Protein backbone atom coordinates (compact mmCIF):
# COMPACT_ATOMS: atom_id res chain seq x y z
CA MET A 1 288.81 119.71 89.00
CA LYS A 2 292.05 120.43 87.27
CA SER A 3 293.29 123.23 85.22
CA VAL A 4 296.92 123.93 83.75
CA GLN A 5 296.47 127.10 84.36
CA ILE A 6 296.94 127.13 88.11
CA VAL A 7 300.57 126.35 87.16
CA ILE A 8 301.34 129.73 86.38
CA SER A 9 299.40 131.23 89.95
CA LEU A 10 300.90 128.89 92.02
CA ALA A 11 304.44 129.90 89.82
CA LEU A 12 303.59 133.37 90.50
CA PHE A 13 302.61 133.27 94.34
CA GLY A 14 306.21 132.76 95.32
CA LEU A 15 306.63 136.12 95.15
CA ALA A 16 304.16 136.85 98.24
CA VAL A 17 305.04 139.49 101.05
CA GLY A 18 302.37 140.66 103.98
CA LEU A 19 300.75 144.12 104.67
CA ALA A 20 301.36 145.47 107.76
CA VAL A 21 298.91 145.31 110.46
CA LYS A 22 296.79 148.19 111.87
CA PRO A 23 296.88 148.90 115.69
CA THR A 24 293.44 148.96 117.28
CA GLY A 25 292.11 148.09 120.51
CA ASP A 26 292.25 144.77 121.98
CA GLU A 27 288.59 143.90 122.46
CA PRO A 28 287.13 141.04 120.90
CA THR A 29 284.08 141.68 119.23
CA GLN A 30 281.14 139.14 118.17
CA VAL A 31 281.17 137.93 114.73
CA PRO A 32 278.20 138.91 112.77
CA PHE A 33 276.09 135.73 111.71
CA TYR A 34 273.66 135.21 108.46
CA THR A 35 271.89 132.32 106.81
CA VAL A 36 272.86 131.04 103.58
CA ASP A 37 269.43 128.81 102.08
CA LEU A 38 271.07 126.11 100.12
CA ASP A 39 267.41 125.52 99.03
CA GLN A 40 267.65 128.36 96.87
CA PRO A 41 269.32 129.28 93.25
CA GLU A 42 273.39 128.34 93.84
CA GLU A 43 274.21 132.04 91.92
CA LYS A 44 271.84 133.42 94.23
CA ARG A 45 272.36 132.36 97.68
CA TRP A 46 275.01 134.61 98.88
CA ASP A 47 273.24 137.94 97.45
CA HIS A 48 271.87 139.25 100.87
CA ILE A 49 275.42 139.13 102.51
CA MET A 50 277.40 140.26 99.52
CA LYS A 51 275.44 143.49 98.82
CA GLU A 52 275.91 144.35 102.47
CA TYR A 53 279.91 143.84 102.12
CA ALA A 54 279.62 145.73 98.72
CA GLU A 55 282.49 148.15 99.52
CA ASP A 56 284.70 145.75 101.58
CA VAL A 57 285.14 142.80 98.54
CA LYS A 58 287.84 145.16 97.30
CA TYR A 59 289.91 143.77 99.76
CA VAL A 60 290.46 141.02 97.14
CA HIS A 61 292.19 143.25 95.03
CA GLU A 62 294.26 145.04 97.59
CA ILE A 63 295.72 141.33 98.64
CA MET A 64 296.27 140.58 95.26
CA SER A 65 298.13 144.07 94.58
CA ASP A 66 300.21 143.22 97.86
CA ILE A 67 301.12 139.64 96.62
CA PHE A 68 301.87 140.39 92.74
CA PRO A 69 303.24 143.14 90.46
CA GLU A 70 300.16 145.23 89.39
CA ASP A 71 300.84 144.88 86.04
CA LEU A 72 300.69 141.23 86.19
CA ILE A 73 297.28 141.22 88.03
CA PRO A 74 295.24 141.20 85.10
CA LEU A 75 296.43 138.11 84.01
CA VAL A 76 296.31 136.74 87.45
CA GLU A 77 292.50 137.40 87.36
CA GLN A 78 292.30 135.93 83.92
CA ILE A 79 293.80 132.89 85.16
CA ALA A 80 291.58 132.50 88.07
CA ALA A 81 288.22 132.78 86.14
CA ASN A 82 289.52 130.09 84.15
CA TYR A 83 290.31 127.95 86.55
CA ASP A 84 286.39 128.39 87.32
CA ASN A 85 285.78 126.14 84.56
CA ASP A 86 287.31 123.39 86.10
CA ILE A 87 285.29 123.52 89.81
CA GLU A 88 282.12 121.82 90.24
CA ASP A 89 279.21 122.70 91.45
CA PRO A 90 277.85 124.25 93.76
CA TYR A 91 281.55 126.22 94.16
CA ALA A 92 281.56 127.51 90.47
CA ASN A 93 277.57 129.05 90.34
CA GLU A 94 278.04 130.69 93.92
CA MET A 95 281.22 132.59 93.04
CA ARG A 96 279.83 133.32 89.71
CA GLY A 97 276.83 134.84 91.61
CA ILE A 98 278.62 136.62 94.25
CA ALA A 99 281.08 137.94 91.42
CA LYS A 100 277.77 139.34 89.59
CA THR A 101 276.08 140.56 92.98
CA MET A 102 279.61 142.66 93.58
CA ASN A 103 280.32 143.85 90.15
CA VAL A 104 283.54 142.65 90.72
CA SER A 105 286.00 140.37 88.49
CA LEU A 106 285.30 136.59 88.81
CA GLY A 107 288.83 136.08 88.97
CA ASP A 108 289.16 138.15 92.17
CA VAL A 109 286.48 135.66 93.35
CA VAL A 110 287.91 132.53 92.61
CA PHE A 111 291.62 133.50 93.51
CA LEU A 112 290.13 134.38 97.07
CA ASN A 113 288.55 131.09 97.29
CA ILE A 114 291.89 128.84 96.35
CA ILE A 115 294.39 131.11 98.28
CA TYR A 116 295.07 128.39 100.64
CA ASP A 117 296.17 126.04 97.99
CA LEU A 118 298.40 128.87 96.33
CA SER A 119 300.11 129.21 99.50
CA ALA A 120 300.62 126.18 101.44
CA PHE A 121 304.35 124.85 100.78
CA GLY A 122 307.62 125.10 102.55
CA ARG A 123 309.09 128.10 102.72
CA ASP A 124 311.16 130.49 104.57
CA ASP A 125 309.60 133.83 104.40
CA SER A 126 309.58 136.58 107.62
CA ARG A 127 307.14 138.97 105.83
CA PHE A 128 304.27 135.59 106.54
CA GLY A 129 302.52 135.62 109.80
CA LYS A 130 301.64 133.13 111.85
CA ALA A 131 298.74 130.78 110.82
CA CYS A 132 296.46 129.25 113.21
CA THR A 133 296.31 127.22 116.77
CA SER A 134 293.31 124.48 116.81
CA ILE A 135 292.79 123.10 120.50
CA VAL A 136 290.22 120.17 120.70
CA SER A 137 289.71 118.70 124.41
CA GLU A 138 287.76 116.73 126.66
CA ASP A 139 286.04 118.10 129.92
CA VAL A 140 285.10 115.80 133.26
CA ASN A 141 282.25 115.03 131.92
CA GLY A 142 283.01 113.64 128.51
CA LEU A 143 281.87 116.87 126.35
CA ILE A 144 284.18 117.92 123.18
CA TRP A 145 285.54 121.52 122.68
CA HIS A 146 287.16 122.67 119.80
CA ALA A 147 288.66 126.15 120.29
CA ARG A 148 290.80 127.99 117.51
CA ASN A 149 292.46 131.01 116.28
CA LEU A 150 292.72 131.81 113.11
CA ASP A 151 296.16 133.71 112.35
CA TYR A 152 296.42 135.18 108.62
CA ASP A 153 298.68 137.86 106.99
CA PHE A 154 296.43 140.21 105.93
CA ALA A 155 294.49 140.11 109.03
CA ASP A 156 293.86 144.30 109.07
CA ILE A 157 291.69 143.47 106.06
CA LEU A 158 290.14 140.05 106.91
CA ARG A 159 288.75 141.08 110.32
CA ASN A 160 286.77 143.49 108.45
CA VAL A 161 284.75 140.82 106.10
CA THR A 162 284.90 138.18 108.87
CA ILE A 163 281.07 136.63 109.04
CA GLY A 164 279.43 133.54 110.54
CA VAL A 165 277.18 131.17 108.60
CA HIS A 166 274.56 129.02 109.16
CA PHE A 167 273.83 126.57 105.99
CA GLN A 168 270.35 125.87 105.84
CA THR A 169 267.90 123.43 104.39
CA GLY A 170 264.22 123.03 104.78
CA GLY A 171 264.82 126.06 107.76
CA SER A 172 267.25 124.34 109.51
CA THR A 173 271.04 124.21 110.20
CA THR A 174 272.83 121.43 108.22
CA TYR A 175 276.27 122.79 109.36
CA SER A 176 277.87 126.25 110.10
CA SER A 177 280.92 128.41 109.83
CA ILE A 178 283.08 131.18 110.29
CA THR A 179 284.36 132.82 107.08
CA PHE A 180 284.92 135.84 105.00
CA ALA A 181 282.54 137.47 102.89
CA GLY A 182 283.26 135.88 99.67
CA TYR A 183 284.65 132.61 100.41
CA VAL A 184 282.45 129.93 99.85
CA GLY A 185 284.82 127.53 101.04
CA VAL A 186 284.44 126.36 105.01
CA LEU A 187 287.90 126.44 106.88
CA THR A 188 286.36 126.35 110.61
CA GLY A 189 282.85 124.19 110.53
CA GLN A 190 280.44 122.78 113.03
CA LYS A 191 278.01 119.86 112.46
CA PRO A 192 275.13 119.88 114.61
CA HIS A 193 275.33 116.75 116.66
CA GLY A 194 278.22 115.51 114.47
CA TYR A 195 281.49 117.03 114.29
CA THR A 196 283.58 120.15 114.32
CA ILE A 197 286.70 121.02 111.82
CA THR A 198 288.93 123.65 111.53
CA VAL A 199 291.49 124.16 108.91
CA ASN A 200 295.43 124.99 110.02
CA GLU A 201 297.65 125.86 107.45
CA ARG A 202 300.93 123.10 107.51
CA ASP A 203 303.86 124.37 104.60
CA GLN A 204 305.63 121.26 103.19
CA GLY A 205 307.50 120.48 100.45
CA ASN A 206 307.77 122.74 97.19
CA TRP A 207 305.65 124.89 95.51
CA TRP A 208 306.31 122.81 92.54
CA MET A 209 304.44 119.81 94.44
CA ASN A 210 301.38 121.87 94.16
CA ILE A 211 301.47 122.26 90.55
CA LEU A 212 302.42 118.51 90.15
CA ILE A 213 299.39 117.35 92.02
CA ALA A 214 296.83 120.06 89.96
CA LEU A 215 297.74 118.79 86.78
CA MET A 216 298.72 115.37 87.22
CA ASP A 217 295.79 113.83 89.96
CA PRO A 218 292.35 114.70 88.62
CA ASN A 219 290.91 113.65 92.41
CA ALA A 220 292.96 116.27 94.26
CA VAL A 221 290.40 118.75 95.87
CA PRO A 222 291.20 122.56 96.87
CA ILE A 223 291.00 122.22 100.78
CA GLY A 224 288.01 124.76 101.37
CA PHE A 225 285.68 122.98 98.79
CA LEU A 226 286.95 119.46 100.92
CA THR A 227 286.29 120.71 103.99
CA ARG A 228 282.41 121.92 103.10
CA ASP A 229 281.80 118.74 101.40
CA THR A 230 282.70 116.60 104.52
CA LEU A 231 280.24 119.08 106.35
CA THR A 232 277.28 118.46 103.71
CA TYR A 233 277.69 114.46 102.87
CA PHE A 234 279.51 113.07 106.19
CA THR A 235 277.03 112.81 109.02
CA ASP A 236 279.48 111.57 111.70
CA PHE A 237 282.64 111.89 113.21
CA ALA A 238 284.49 108.72 112.28
CA GLY A 239 282.84 109.42 108.61
CA ALA A 240 284.47 113.17 108.43
CA VAL A 241 287.85 111.68 109.72
CA GLU A 242 288.08 108.87 106.72
CA ASN A 243 287.20 111.42 103.88
CA LEU A 244 289.52 114.32 105.11
CA ALA A 245 292.34 111.99 105.87
CA GLN A 246 291.84 109.76 102.51
CA THR A 247 290.76 112.48 99.42
CA ASP A 248 293.59 113.72 97.74
CA THR A 249 294.78 117.36 97.93
CA ILE A 250 296.36 120.24 96.15
CA ALA A 251 298.12 121.18 99.41
CA PRO A 252 299.08 120.06 102.32
CA VAL A 253 297.09 120.93 105.35
CA TYR A 254 296.13 120.13 109.24
CA PHE A 255 292.49 118.85 109.55
CA VAL A 256 291.70 118.98 113.72
CA LEU A 257 288.25 117.52 114.56
CA GLY A 258 286.32 117.37 117.68
CA GLY A 259 283.02 114.98 118.10
CA VAL A 260 280.39 114.18 120.34
CA ASN A 261 281.36 111.26 122.22
CA LYS A 262 284.57 110.75 124.87
CA ARG A 263 288.07 110.56 123.00
CA GLN A 264 286.05 111.96 119.66
CA GLY A 265 288.95 114.06 118.81
CA VAL A 266 292.27 113.93 116.21
CA VAL A 267 294.59 115.75 114.02
CA ILE A 268 294.64 114.78 110.55
CA THR A 269 298.59 115.53 109.44
CA LYS A 270 298.21 115.35 105.80
CA SER A 271 300.55 115.58 102.82
CA ARG A 272 298.85 115.87 99.66
CA ILE A 273 298.20 112.48 98.44
CA GLU A 274 298.49 110.87 101.62
CA SER A 275 297.77 111.39 105.30
CA ASP A 276 301.46 110.92 107.72
CA ASP A 277 299.83 111.05 110.89
CA LEU A 278 296.34 110.48 112.67
CA TRP A 279 296.73 111.58 116.45
CA TYR A 280 294.01 111.20 118.40
CA LEU A 281 292.53 112.46 121.60
CA GLY A 282 293.33 110.02 124.55
CA ALA A 283 295.25 107.82 122.50
CA GLU A 284 298.76 108.09 125.31
CA LYS A 285 298.86 105.92 128.20
CA ASN A 286 296.89 106.66 130.94
CA TYR A 287 294.61 108.56 128.16
CA SER A 288 296.86 111.75 129.76
CA ASN A 289 296.43 113.75 126.79
CA TRP A 290 293.03 114.99 127.20
CA PHE A 291 293.39 118.10 125.05
CA LEU A 292 295.35 118.59 121.72
CA VAL A 293 296.94 121.51 120.36
CA GLU A 294 298.15 121.59 116.75
CA THR A 295 299.96 125.00 115.52
CA ASN A 296 301.34 124.90 112.15
CA TYR A 297 304.32 122.03 112.96
CA ASP A 298 304.35 118.51 113.05
CA HIS A 299 303.31 117.67 116.77
CA TRP A 300 305.83 115.04 117.04
CA GLU A 301 308.50 117.57 116.40
CA PRO A 302 309.31 120.38 118.36
CA ALA A 303 308.00 123.80 117.45
CA PRO A 304 310.55 126.58 116.50
CA SER A 305 311.36 128.99 118.71
CA SER A 306 310.73 131.84 116.39
CA ASP A 307 307.26 130.51 116.49
CA ASP A 308 306.40 128.84 119.76
CA ARG A 309 302.64 129.19 120.17
CA ARG A 310 302.52 125.47 121.20
CA ASP A 311 304.10 125.50 124.47
CA PRO A 312 302.11 128.40 125.91
CA ALA A 313 298.63 127.09 124.31
CA ILE A 314 299.71 124.00 126.21
CA LYS A 315 300.51 125.80 129.17
CA ALA A 316 297.18 127.26 129.43
CA MET A 317 294.99 124.83 129.02
CA LYS A 318 297.37 122.69 131.76
CA ASP A 319 296.55 126.02 134.32
CA MET A 320 292.97 125.72 133.55
CA GLY A 321 292.33 122.30 133.83
CA LYS A 322 289.79 119.91 132.50
CA GLN A 323 287.44 120.57 135.12
CA LYS A 324 287.42 124.32 134.53
CA ILE A 325 286.55 123.98 130.45
CA SER A 326 283.73 126.41 129.23
CA VAL A 327 283.45 128.91 126.59
CA GLN A 328 284.96 132.25 128.62
CA ASN A 329 287.83 130.00 130.18
CA LEU A 330 289.18 128.84 126.00
CA LEU A 331 288.74 132.02 124.83
CA SER A 332 291.18 133.00 127.68
CA VAL A 333 293.74 130.60 126.60
CA LEU A 334 293.31 131.39 123.11
CA SER A 335 293.84 134.80 124.34
CA THR A 336 297.19 134.00 125.83
CA PRO A 337 300.53 136.04 124.57
CA LEU A 338 301.53 134.46 121.36
CA VAL A 339 298.75 132.20 121.21
CA LYS A 340 296.85 135.08 120.46
CA ASN A 341 299.27 137.80 117.98
CA ASN A 342 298.88 140.53 116.04
CA SER A 343 298.00 138.35 113.01
CA THR A 344 294.99 136.41 114.83
CA VAL A 345 292.09 137.62 112.66
CA TYR A 346 289.36 135.55 114.70
CA SER A 347 288.57 133.09 117.65
CA ILE A 348 285.66 130.55 118.10
CA VAL A 349 284.83 128.10 120.70
CA MET A 350 282.38 125.52 119.57
CA SER A 351 281.23 121.95 120.52
CA ALA A 352 279.27 119.80 118.19
CA SER A 353 277.29 117.67 120.52
CA GLN A 354 276.04 121.54 122.27
CA PRO A 355 275.96 123.23 118.66
CA SER A 356 274.36 126.62 120.29
CA LEU A 357 277.34 127.14 122.57
CA LEU A 358 279.57 128.68 119.38
CA LYS A 359 280.64 131.86 119.76
CA ALA A 360 283.29 133.83 117.89
CA TRP A 361 284.96 136.76 118.12
CA VAL A 362 286.83 139.40 116.07
CA ARG A 363 290.63 140.28 117.32
CA TYR A 364 292.71 142.97 117.11
CA PRO A 365 295.84 143.73 117.84
CA SER A 366 297.56 144.21 121.32
C-alpha cells in the first residue's frame, strides 16, 4: 500500500496555506444523510451522492490551488492518480467510480483522501486553523457519550460538502460516518451497539518522517482507511482499540473512542509506528475522570495559550455535570467559544449503545 510517488506530494505540502473563512450566520443546520450500499459494485456505491454534489466537487481543485502553485497542480494530480495503484480495494475502486461519475481527475479524488497523511506533522504556521475537539463521557446511568467538533483550514468549502453516510449491507446499517462528498475514508464514525471513533490531528515530528514510513513500512495505512477498516471488521470496543493502537500509520494521530459499557472511553495518542499512550475513562483515582477531552495536544502536556480549547471544554463539561448529559447539552458544550471557532466545520453527538441518538450539525462562524 505504498508508493514512492507520495514522497513528492509530502514534500510539496510544506507550502500549504489556508483559505479565508466567509462570514455567515451562526445557526447550525442539520447534516444531510445518505445510504451507501456495500452490496453494490464498489465503483457504483457513491454514484447517487456524487451526482448531487457534481458542482461542489470543484472544492478539491480549489484546495489544491491554495496549497500548490498553479503550474505544479498537473504534476500533483498525476502523482495522486499513480498513488491510487497502491491503495487496496474497496477504496481504490470507490475513488475511481467517484472520479468517473463526477468527470473529474482521479488525482483530485485521491489527493482528497490522503490529505490527512500529507498534512499531519509538526509545524509552526499560523496559517493553519484549529483541528478538532473530541469529548467522550459517561453519564449517571453509565451511558457512554461521544461529542466532537471537526475543525479544518478549508471550513468555508467543506461546510458545503459535509454529509452523513449510513453504510449498509442487507438493508441494515453496519456503521455510520460524518464525512465529505468524495472522501471514502472515515474521520468520524459509529458502529451501532459497538463503539464510536473520532480522529484528531496530531502534529508531531517532521514531514520527512511521514515520507520515511511511507517508503519503508509496507504495513502503514492512511488514517481514514484504517478507521473505516476498523468499523468494517471489528465489532467491539476492545478489538477496535487494539487495531487502531497497534496498526502502523503514515502520520501520527489521536484516536478517541467510546464504547457501550461503563468506563469504555479512551484517547489513543499514536505515533506512526506505535502508541505513546492509552488514556482511559475512569482510570484516575476514585473514578474522577468521567469525561476525557482531546484537542490536538498530548493530554499530559499543557495546552498552548495560543490555542487552548481544552480548558474551556473541561470547564463547560464540569458546569454541565454528568447528571445533565444530553444531546442538546453536549451541543452547548461544543458551542462554547474557542471550542467552537471559525474553523469549525461540523459538530456531532453520538452514543454507540443508542445509535439513533446520533445528531450532526454544520457550523458557521459567529
